[in-house]
Amino acid sequence: MQQQDYKILQFNQALAKVTKQLRETQKISANKLTNEYELGSGNLSRIENAVYNCKFITIWKVSEALGLKFSEFSKFLEDELGDDFKLIDE
């Protein structure tokens, strides 16, 4: 169970880093992102601080709000996590 919790933490930290980096690179304020794309300021803050287990639909909304296709956003996420990352042990 601890290994699974650690992997979820790793995923959340990578999601936080990628989201914040892309938002700051594009010079999009957190307020604009939350207000214009209905993400909720609390949700975005929790995502960027890695304290939120996002639903798939929320991650999709974040990617669109950042002007990316979900596949593009997930590629940034995969790159951050590394090739050997898996949520499920085999």
Protein backbone atom coordinates (compact mmCIF):
# COMPACT_ATOMS: atom_id res chain seq x y z
CA MET A 1 0.00 0.00 0.00
CA GLN A 2 2.83 2.42 0.82
CA GLN A 3 4.37 1.81 -2.61
CA GLN A 4 1.03 2.67 -4.25
CA ASP A 5 0.69 5.82 -2.13
CA TYR A 6 4.21 6.85 -3.13
CA LYS A 7 3.43 6.37 -6.82
CA ILE A 8 0.29 8.49 -6.53
CA LEU A 9 2.34 11.16 -4.77
CA GLN A 10 4.91 11.01 -7.58
CA PHE A 11 2.15 11.39 -10.17
CA ASN A 12 0.59 14.33 -8.30
CA GLN A 13 3.98 16.05 -7.97
CA ALA A 14 4.68 15.65 -11.68
CA LEU A 15 1.21 16.94 -12.54
CA ALA A 16 1.80 19.93 -10.25
CA LYS A 17 5.16 20.74 -11.81
CA VAL A 18 3.98 20.39 -15.41
CA THR A 19 0.81 22.41 -14.82
CA LYS A 20 2.61 25.25 -13.08
CA GLN A 21 5.49 25.33 -15.57
CA LEU A 22 3.19 25.43 -18.59
CA ARG A 23 0.98 28.08 -17.00
CA GLU A 24 3.94 30.29 -16.11
CA THR A 25 5.67 29.75 -19.47
CA GLN A 26 2.52 30.90 -21.23
CA LYS A 27 2.17 33.79 -18.76
CA ILE A 28 -1.34 32.75 -17.77
CA SER A 29 -2.35 33.86 -14.30
CA ALA A 30 -3.96 31.38 -11.97
CA ASN A 31 -6.96 33.72 -11.73
CA LYS A 32 -7.45 33.77 -15.50
CA LEU A 33 -7.17 30.01 -15.71
CA THR A 34 -9.68 29.40 -12.95
CA ASN A 35 -12.17 32.09 -13.94
CA GLU A 36 -12.21 31.64 -17.71
CA TYR A 37 -12.08 27.86 -17.72
CA GLU A 38 -14.17 27.07 -14.65
CA LEU A 39 -11.46 25.08 -12.92
CA GLY A 40 -12.10 26.50 -9.48
CA SER A 41 -9.34 28.40 -7.73
CA GLY A 42 -9.17 25.81 -4.97
CA ASN A 43 -8.74 22.98 -7.47
CA LEU A 44 -5.94 24.69 -9.38
CA SER A 45 -4.14 25.55 -6.15
CA ARG A 46 -4.43 21.96 -4.90
CA ILE A 47 -3.22 20.63 -8.28
CA GLU A 48 -0.19 22.94 -8.34
CA ASN A 49 0.65 22.02 -4.75
CA ALA A 50 0.33 18.27 -5.41
CA VAL A 51 -2.34 17.76 -2.75
CA TYR A 52 -5.21 16.77 -5.02
CA ASN A 53 -6.02 13.48 -6.71
CA CYS A 54 -7.47 14.84 -9.93
CA LYS A 55 -10.23 13.27 -11.88
CA PHE A 56 -9.42 12.54 -15.49
CA ILE A 57 -11.89 15.19 -16.64
CA THR A 58 -10.15 17.84 -14.54
CA ILE A 59 -6.76 17.05 -16.08
CA TRP A 60 -8.36 17.24 -19.52
CA LYS A 61 -9.83 20.68 -18.67
CA VAL A 62 -6.43 21.89 -17.47
CA SER A 63 -4.79 20.80 -20.72
CA GLU A 64 -7.42 22.59 -22.80
CA ALA A 65 -7.18 25.72 -20.64
CA LEU A 66 -3.44 25.72 -21.36
CA GLY A 67 -4.16 25.50 -25.09
CA LEU A 68 -2.96 21.93 -25.48
CA LYS A 69 -4.52 18.71 -26.66
CA PHE A 70 -4.74 16.20 -23.85
CA SER A 71 -2.22 14.00 -25.69
CA GLU A 72 0.28 16.88 -25.75
CA PHE A 73 -0.22 17.59 -22.06
CA SER A 74 0.12 13.91 -21.16
CA LYS A 75 3.39 13.77 -23.11
CA PHE A 76 4.81 16.54 -20.89
CA LEU A 77 3.59 14.55 -17.90
CA GLU A 78 5.14 11.32 -19.17
CA ASP A 79 8.43 13.10 -19.80
CA GLU A 80 8.42 14.44 -16.25
CA LEU A 81 7.65 11.01 -14.76
CA GLY A 82 10.21 9.13 -16.84
CA ASP A 83 9.97 6.06 -19.03
CA ASP A 84 9.99 3.56 -16.20
CA PHE A 85 7.09 5.07 -14.21
CA LYS A 86 4.03 2.85 -13.73
CA LEU A 87 1.15 3.29 -11.31
CA ILE A 88 0.48 -0.44 -11.25
CA ASP A 89 3.14 -2.95 -10.32
CA GLU A 90 3.37 -5.97 -12.54
